Amino acid sequence: MTLLKIILILVGLVFIIFGYLIYFKEKYNLINGFESDFKFGRKTESYAKKVGLTEFIIGIIFVLIGIVVTVIK
């Protein structure tokens, strides 16, 4: 169970970092194939912003779940 808590928190931190870099720092190259799709007009900058925000929020949720499970037990 302790391993699950650690994994939840670590995965959450990774999602937060990637979401932060994509959404706030606009490092769209972290999204697989985005550069070429953007060049050909298949994907837009708003798509990349949505992906970054989604990852950021999922990371926060994972970290919170990991912390809450740790505090409750």
PDB file of N, CA and C in Angstrom:
ATOM      1  N   MET A   1       0.826  -1.191   0.000  1.00  0.00           N
ATOM      2  CA  MET A   1       0.000   0.000   0.000  1.00  0.00           C
ATOM      3  C   MET A   1       0.872   1.258   0.000  1.00  0.00           C
ATOM      4  N   THR A   2       1.970   1.195   0.711  1.00  0.00           N
ATOM      5  CA  THR A   2       2.878   2.335   0.755  1.00  0.00           C
ATOM      6  C   THR A   2       3.460   2.604  -0.631  1.00  0.00           C
ATOM      7  N   LEU A   3       3.744   1.539  -1.360  1.00  0.00           N
ATOM      8  CA  LEU A   3       4.270   1.686  -2.711  1.00  0.00           C
ATOM      9  C   LEU A   3       3.258   2.394  -3.611  1.00  0.00           C
ATOM     10  N   LEU A   4       1.989   2.072  -3.453  1.00  0.00           N
ATOM     11  CA  LEU A   4       0.937   2.717  -4.233  1.00  0.00           C
ATOM     12  C   LEU A   4       0.878   4.214  -3.934  1.00  0.00           C
ATOM     13  N   LYS A   5       1.012   4.592  -2.686  1.00  0.00           N
ATOM     14  CA  LYS A   5       1.005   6.010  -2.309  1.00  0.00           C
ATOM     15  C   LYS A   5       2.176   6.760  -2.950  1.00  0.00           C
ATOM     16  N   ILE A   6       3.343   6.146  -2.896  1.00  0.00           N
ATOM     17  CA  ILE A   6       4.537   6.766  -3.470  1.00  0.00           C
ATOM     18  C   ILE A   6       4.386   6.912  -4.979  1.00  0.00           C
ATOM     19  N   ILE A   7       3.870   5.863  -5.627  1.00  0.00           N
ATOM     20  CA  ILE A   7       3.682   5.914  -7.078  1.00  0.00           C
ATOM     21  C   ILE A   7       2.664   6.981  -7.443  1.00  0.00           C
ATOM     22  N   LEU A   8       1.566   7.079  -6.703  1.00  0.00           N
ATOM     23  CA  LEU A   8       0.553   8.103  -6.972  1.00  0.00           C
ATOM     24  C   LEU A   8       1.145   9.511  -6.888  1.00  0.00           C
ATOM     25  N   ILE A   9       1.893   9.757  -5.852  1.00  0.00           N
ATOM     26  CA  ILE A   9       2.475  11.082  -5.662  1.00  0.00           C
ATOM     27  C   ILE A   9       3.516  11.380  -6.744  1.00  0.00           C
ATOM     28  N   LEU A  10       4.352  10.410  -7.089  1.00  0.00           N
ATOM     29  CA  LEU A  10       5.377  10.628  -8.114  1.00  0.00           C
ATOM     30  C   LEU A  10       4.762  10.846  -9.498  1.00  0.00           C
ATOM     31  N   VAL A  11       3.768  10.043  -9.834  1.00  0.00           N
ATOM     32  CA  VAL A  11       3.096  10.220 -11.128  1.00  0.00           C
ATOM     33  C   VAL A  11       2.403  11.583 -11.163  1.00  0.00           C
ATOM     34  N   GLY A  12       1.796  11.963 -10.056  1.00  0.00           N
ATOM     35  CA  GLY A  12       1.162  13.275  -9.978  1.00  0.00           C
ATOM     36  C   GLY A  12       2.161  14.401 -10.181  1.00  0.00           C
ATOM     37  N   LEU A  13       3.329  14.283  -9.571  1.00  0.00           N
ATOM     38  CA  LEU A  13       4.359  15.314  -9.740  1.00  0.00           C
ATOM     39  C   LEU A  13       4.853  15.391 -11.182  1.00  0.00           C
ATOM     40  N   VAL A  14       4.987  14.239 -11.831  1.00  0.00           N
ATOM     41  CA  VAL A  14       5.417  14.232 -13.230  1.00  0.00           C
ATOM     42  C   VAL A  14       4.363  14.908 -14.104  1.00  0.00           C
ATOM     43  N   PHE A  15       3.087  14.591 -13.868  1.00  0.00           N
ATOM     44  CA  PHE A  15       2.020  15.235 -14.632  1.00  0.00           C
ATOM     45  C   PHE A  15       1.999  16.743 -14.386  1.00  0.00           C
ATOM     46  N   ILE A  16       2.209  17.152 -13.158  1.00  0.00           N
ATOM     47  CA  ILE A  16       2.232  18.584 -12.852  1.00  0.00           C
ATOM     48  C   ILE A  16       3.378  19.277 -13.594  1.00  0.00           C
ATOM     49  N   ILE A  17       4.543  18.664 -13.585  1.00  0.00           N
ATOM     50  CA  ILE A  17       5.699  19.267 -14.253  1.00  0.00           C
ATOM     51  C   ILE A  17       5.459  19.374 -15.754  1.00  0.00           C
ATOM     52  N   PHE A  18       4.992  18.292 -16.381  1.00  0.00           N
ATOM     53  CA  PHE A  18       4.748  18.341 -17.816  1.00  0.00           C
ATOM     54  C   PHE A  18       3.622  19.307 -18.161  1.00  0.00           C
ATOM     55  N   GLY A  19       2.559  19.301 -17.360  1.00  0.00           N
ATOM     56  CA  GLY A  19       1.464  20.227 -17.601  1.00  0.00           C
ATOM     57  C   GLY A  19       1.904  21.665 -17.462  1.00  0.00           C
ATOM     58  N   TYR A  20       2.731  21.941 -16.465  1.00  0.00           N
ATOM     59  CA  TYR A  20       3.264  23.293 -16.270  1.00  0.00           C
ATOM     60  C   TYR A  20       4.110  23.721 -17.464  1.00  0.00           C
ATOM     61  N   LEU A  21       4.994  22.838 -17.893  1.00  0.00           N
ATOM     62  CA  LEU A  21       5.872  23.182 -19.016  1.00  0.00           C
ATOM     63  C   LEU A  21       5.090  23.403 -20.302  1.00  0.00           C
ATOM     64  N   ILE A  22       4.052  22.615 -20.525  1.00  0.00           N
ATOM     65  CA  ILE A  22       3.272  22.769 -21.753  1.00  0.00           C
ATOM     66  C   ILE A  22       2.367  23.987 -21.663  1.00  0.00           C
ATOM     67  N   TYR A  23       1.648  24.136 -20.566  1.00  0.00           N
ATOM     68  CA  TYR A  23       0.635  25.191 -20.482  1.00  0.00           C
ATOM     69  C   TYR A  23       1.233  26.577 -20.235  1.00  0.00           C
ATOM     70  N   PHE A  24       2.127  26.669 -19.277  1.00  0.00           N
ATOM     71  CA  PHE A  24       2.654  27.981 -18.893  1.00  0.00           C
ATOM     72  C   PHE A  24       3.913  28.369 -19.672  1.00  0.00           C
ATOM     73  N   LYS A  25       4.806  27.432 -19.908  1.00  0.00           N
ATOM     74  CA  LYS A  25       6.075  27.723 -20.589  1.00  0.00           C
ATOM     75  C   LYS A  25       5.996  27.497 -22.093  1.00  0.00           C
ATOM     76  N   GLU A  26       4.867  26.995 -22.589  1.00  0.00           N
ATOM     77  CA  GLU A  26       4.602  26.774 -24.011  1.00  0.00           C
ATOM     78  C   GLU A  26       5.666  25.911 -24.684  1.00  0.00           C
ATOM     79  N   LYS A  27       6.052  24.835 -24.036  1.00  0.00           N
ATOM     80  CA  LYS A  27       6.990  23.876 -24.626  1.00  0.00           C
ATOM     81  C   LYS A  27       6.167  22.771 -25.298  1.00  0.00           C
ATOM     82  N   TYR A  28       5.637  23.120 -26.462  1.00  0.00           N
ATOM     83  CA  TYR A  28       4.727  22.219 -27.157  1.00  0.00           C
ATOM     84  C   TYR A  28       5.432  21.005 -27.748  1.00  0.00           C
ATOM     85  N   ASN A  29       6.750  21.023 -27.810  1.00  0.00           N
ATOM     86  CA  ASN A  29       7.470  19.873 -28.326  1.00  0.00           C
ATOM     87  C   ASN A  29       7.371  18.659 -27.390  1.00  0.00           C
ATOM     88  N   LEU A  30       6.857  18.842 -26.180  1.00  0.00           N
ATOM     89  CA  LEU A  30       6.667  17.721 -25.265  1.00  0.00           C
ATOM     90  C   LEU A  30       5.458  16.869 -25.650  1.00  0.00           C
ATOM     91  N   ILE A  31       4.614  17.384 -26.520  1.00  0.00           N
ATOM     92  CA  ILE A  31       3.469  16.626 -27.019  1.00  0.00           C
ATOM     93  C   ILE A  31       3.923  15.880 -28.268  1.00  0.00           C
ATOM     94  N   ASN A  32       3.763  14.565 -28.262  1.00  0.00           N
ATOM     95  CA  ASN A  32       4.241  13.748 -29.380  1.00  0.00           C
ATOM     96  C   ASN A  32       3.596  14.170 -30.690  1.00  0.00           C
ATOM     97  N   GLY A  33       4.426  14.476 -31.670  1.00  0.00           N
ATOM     98  CA  GLY A  33       3.973  14.783 -33.011  1.00  0.00           C
ATOM     99  C   GLY A  33       3.283  16.120 -33.176  1.00  0.00           C
ATOM    100  N   PHE A  34       3.325  16.966 -32.164  1.00  0.00           N
ATOM    101  CA  PHE A  34       2.593  18.231 -32.260  1.00  0.00           C
ATOM    102  C   PHE A  34       3.223  19.177 -33.271  1.00  0.00           C
ATOM    103  N   GLU A  35       4.544  19.226 -33.303  1.00  0.00           N
ATOM    104  CA  GLU A  35       5.228  20.170 -34.189  1.00  0.00           C
ATOM    105  C   GLU A  35       4.848  19.926 -35.652  1.00  0.00           C
ATOM    106  N   SER A  36       4.871  18.674 -36.086  1.00  0.00           N
ATOM    107  CA  SER A  36       4.539  18.384 -37.483  1.00  0.00           C
ATOM    108  C   SER A  36       3.045  18.572 -37.741  1.00  0.00           C
ATOM    109  N   ASP A  37       2.200  18.182 -36.800  1.00  0.00           N
ATOM    110  CA  ASP A  37       0.758  18.385 -36.976  1.00  0.00           C
ATOM    111  C   ASP A  37       0.402  19.860 -36.990  1.00  0.00           C
ATOM    112  N   PHE A  38       1.092  20.654 -36.193  1.00  0.00           N
ATOM    113  CA  PHE A  38       0.859  22.098 -36.171  1.00  0.00           C
ATOM    114  C   PHE A  38       1.286  22.727 -37.500  1.00  0.00           C
ATOM    115  N   LYS A  39       2.383  22.224 -38.029  1.00  0.00           N
ATOM    116  CA  LYS A  39       2.898  22.752 -39.296  1.00  0.00           C
ATOM    117  C   LYS A  39       1.912  22.500 -40.444  1.00  0.00           C
ATOM    118  N   PHE A  40       1.258  21.338 -40.418  1.00  0.00           N
ATOM    119  CA  PHE A  40       0.306  20.994 -41.474  1.00  0.00           C
ATOM    120  C   PHE A  40      -1.117  21.452 -41.158  1.00  0.00           C
ATOM    121  N   GLY A  41      -1.319  22.096 -40.016  1.00  0.00           N
ATOM    122  CA  GLY A  41      -2.617  22.660 -39.686  1.00  0.00           C
ATOM    123  C   GLY A  41      -3.605  21.683 -39.071  1.00  0.00           C
ATOM    124  N   ARG A  42      -3.136  20.502 -38.666  1.00  0.00           N
ATOM    125  CA  ARG A  42      -4.035  19.525 -38.054  1.00  0.00           C
ATOM    126  C   ARG A  42      -4.334  19.838 -36.591  1.00  0.00           C
ATOM    127  N   LYS A  43      -3.393  20.465 -35.913  1.00  0.00           N
ATOM    128  CA  LYS A  43      -3.560  20.804 -34.505  1.00  0.00           C
ATOM    129  C   LYS A  43      -3.284  22.295 -34.325  1.00  0.00           C
ATOM    130  N   THR A  44      -3.923  22.874 -33.305  1.00  0.00           N
ATOM    131  CA  THR A  44      -3.753  24.307 -33.062  1.00  0.00           C
ATOM    132  C   THR A  44      -3.095  24.521 -31.701  1.00  0.00           C
ATOM    133  N   GLU A  45      -2.769  25.770 -31.441  1.00  0.00           N
ATOM    134  CA  GLU A  45      -2.157  26.111 -30.160  1.00  0.00           C
ATOM    135  C   GLU A  45      -3.146  25.914 -29.015  1.00  0.00           C
ATOM    136  N   SER A  46      -4.427  26.114 -29.276  1.00  0.00           N
ATOM    137  CA  SER A  46      -5.432  25.911 -28.228  1.00  0.00           C
ATOM    138  C   SER A  46      -5.512  24.435 -27.832  1.00  0.00           C
ATOM    139  N   TYR A  47      -5.270  23.540 -28.787  1.00  0.00           N
ATOM    140  CA  TYR A  47      -5.214  22.113 -28.474  1.00  0.00           C
ATOM    141  C   TYR A  47      -4.082  21.831 -27.489  1.00  0.00           C
ATOM    142  N   ALA A  48      -2.919  22.404 -27.749  1.00  0.00           N
ATOM    143  CA  ALA A  48      -1.775  22.198 -26.869  1.00  0.00           C
ATOM    144  C   ALA A  48      -2.043  22.772 -25.479  1.00  0.00           C
ATOM    145  N   LYS A  49      -2.702  23.922 -25.414  1.00  0.00           N
ATOM    146  CA  LYS A  49      -3.048  24.515 -24.121  1.00  0.00           C
ATOM    147  C   LYS A  49      -3.988  23.593 -23.348  1.00  0.00           C
ATOM    148  N   LYS A  50      -4.963  23.000 -24.045  1.00  0.00           N
ATOM    149  CA  LYS A  50      -5.899  22.087 -23.388  1.00  0.00           C
ATOM    150  C   LYS A  50      -5.193  20.850 -22.860  1.00  0.00           C
ATOM    151  N   VAL A  51      -4.263  20.321 -23.646  1.00  0.00           N
ATOM    152  CA  VAL A  51      -3.496  19.152 -23.211  1.00  0.00           C
ATOM    153  C   VAL A  51      -2.669  19.493 -21.969  1.00  0.00           C
ATOM    154  N   GLY A  52      -2.012  20.641 -21.987  1.00  0.00           N
ATOM    155  CA  GLY A  52      -1.197  21.048 -20.845  1.00  0.00           C
ATOM    156  C   GLY A  52      -2.027  21.273 -19.599  1.00  0.00           C
ATOM    157  N   LEU A  53      -3.169  21.923 -19.737  1.00  0.00           N
ATOM    158  CA  LEU A  53      -4.032  22.166 -18.587  1.00  0.00           C
ATOM    159  C   LEU A  53      -4.601  20.861 -18.042  1.00  0.00           C
ATOM    160  N   THR A  54      -4.965  19.956 -18.934  1.00  0.00           N
ATOM    161  CA  THR A  54      -5.488  18.655 -18.503  1.00  0.00           C
ATOM    162  C   THR A  54      -4.436  17.887 -17.716  1.00  0.00           C
ATOM    163  N   GLU A  55      -3.222  17.853 -18.206  1.00  0.00           N
ATOM    164  CA  GLU A  55      -2.152  17.160 -17.487  1.00  0.00           C
ATOM    165  C   GLU A  55      -1.884  17.817 -16.137  1.00  0.00           C
ATOM    166  N   PHE A  56      -1.911  19.129 -16.100  1.00  0.00           N
ATOM    167  CA  PHE A  56      -1.668  19.855 -14.861  1.00  0.00           C
ATOM    168  C   PHE A  56      -2.736  19.513 -13.813  1.00  0.00           C
ATOM    169  N   ILE A  57      -3.986  19.505 -14.221  1.00  0.00           N
ATOM    170  CA  ILE A  57      -5.092  19.212 -13.298  1.00  0.00           C
ATOM    171  C   ILE A  57      -5.055  17.756 -12.847  1.00  0.00           C
ATOM    172  N   ILE A  58      -4.793  16.830 -13.762  1.00  0.00           N
ATOM    173  CA  ILE A  58      -4.695  15.416 -13.392  1.00  0.00           C
ATOM    174  C   ILE A  58      -3.552  15.206 -12.404  1.00  0.00           C
ATOM    175  N   GLY A  59      -2.441  15.888 -12.598  1.00  0.00           N
ATOM    176  CA  GLY A  59      -1.320  15.787 -11.669  1.00  0.00           C
ATOM    177  C   GLY A  59      -1.685  16.273 -10.279  1.00  0.00           C
ATOM    178  N   ILE A  60      -2.398  17.388 -10.205  1.00  0.00           N
ATOM    179  CA  ILE A  60      -2.826  17.904  -8.907  1.00  0.00           C
ATOM    180  C   ILE A  60      -3.757  16.912  -8.222  1.00  0.00           C
ATOM    181  N   ILE A  61      -4.665  16.322  -8.979  1.00  0.00           N
ATOM    182  CA  ILE A  61      -5.603  15.343  -8.409  1.00  0.00           C
ATOM    183  C   ILE A  61      -4.854  14.130  -7.884  1.00  0.00           C
ATOM    184  N   PHE A  62      -3.888  13.602  -8.651  1.00  0.00           N
ATOM    185  CA  PHE A  62      -3.118  12.437  -8.202  1.00  0.00           C
ATOM    186  C   PHE A  62      -2.338  12.734  -6.927  1.00  0.00           C
ATOM    187  N   VAL A  63      -1.696  13.900  -6.885  1.00  0.00           N
ATOM    188  CA  VAL A  63      -0.922  14.259  -5.689  1.00  0.00           C
ATOM    189  C   VAL A  63      -1.864  14.392  -4.485  1.00  0.00           C
ATOM    190  N   LEU A  64      -2.986  15.037  -4.670  1.00  0.00           N
ATOM    191  CA  LEU A  64      -3.940  15.183  -3.560  1.00  0.00           C
ATOM    192  C   LEU A  64      -4.460  13.837  -3.083  1.00  0.00           C
ATOM    193  N   ILE A  65      -4.773  12.943  -4.005  1.00  0.00           N
ATOM    194  CA  ILE A  65      -5.235  11.609  -3.608  1.00  0.00           C
ATOM    195  C   ILE A  65      -4.138  10.884  -2.834  1.00  0.00           C
ATOM    196  N   GLY A  66      -2.903  10.967  -3.313  1.00  0.00           N
ATOM    197  CA  GLY A  66      -1.792  10.321  -2.605  1.00  0.00           C
ATOM    198  C   GLY A  66      -1.596  10.879  -1.211  1.00  0.00           C
ATOM    199  N   ILE A  67      -1.711  12.185  -1.059  1.00  0.00           N
ATOM    200  CA  ILE A  67      -1.542  12.803   0.260  1.00  0.00           C
ATOM    201  C   ILE A  67      -2.703  12.447   1.182  1.00  0.00           C
ATOM    202  N   VAL A  68      -3.929  12.493   0.653  1.00  0.00           N
ATOM    203  CA  VAL A  68      -5.090  12.160   1.479  1.00  0.00           C
ATOM    204  C   VAL A  68      -5.045  10.716   1.951  1.00  0.00           C
ATOM    205  N   VAL A  69      -4.667   9.799   1.068  1.00  0.00           N
ATOM    206  CA  VAL A  69      -4.561   8.392   1.467  1.00  0.00           C
ATOM    207  C   VAL A  69      -3.473   8.212   2.503  1.00  0.00           C
ATOM    208  N   THR A  70      -2.388   8.961   2.384  1.00  0.00           N
ATOM    209  CA  THR A  70      -1.304   8.876   3.358  1.00  0.00           C
ATOM    210  C   THR A  70      -1.764   9.409   4.719  1.00  0.00           C
ATOM    211  N   VAL A  71      -2.489  10.490   4.742  1.00  0.00           N
ATOM    212  CA  VAL A  71      -2.927  11.084   6.004  1.00  0.00           C
ATOM    213  C   VAL A  71      -3.995  10.224   6.679  1.00  0.00           C
ATOM    214  N   ILE A  72      -4.888   9.659   5.885  1.00  0.00           N
ATOM    215  CA  ILE A  72      -5.976   8.858   6.470  1.00  0.00           C
ATOM    216  C   ILE A  72      -5.434   7.584   7.103  1.00  0.00           C
ATOM    217  N   LYS A  73      -4.506   6.926   6.473  1.00  0.00           N
ATOM    218  CA  LYS A  73      -3.971   5.664   7.021  1.00  0.00           C
ATOM    219  C   LYS A  73      -2.998   5.993   8.072  1.00  0.00           C
TER     220      LYS A  73
END
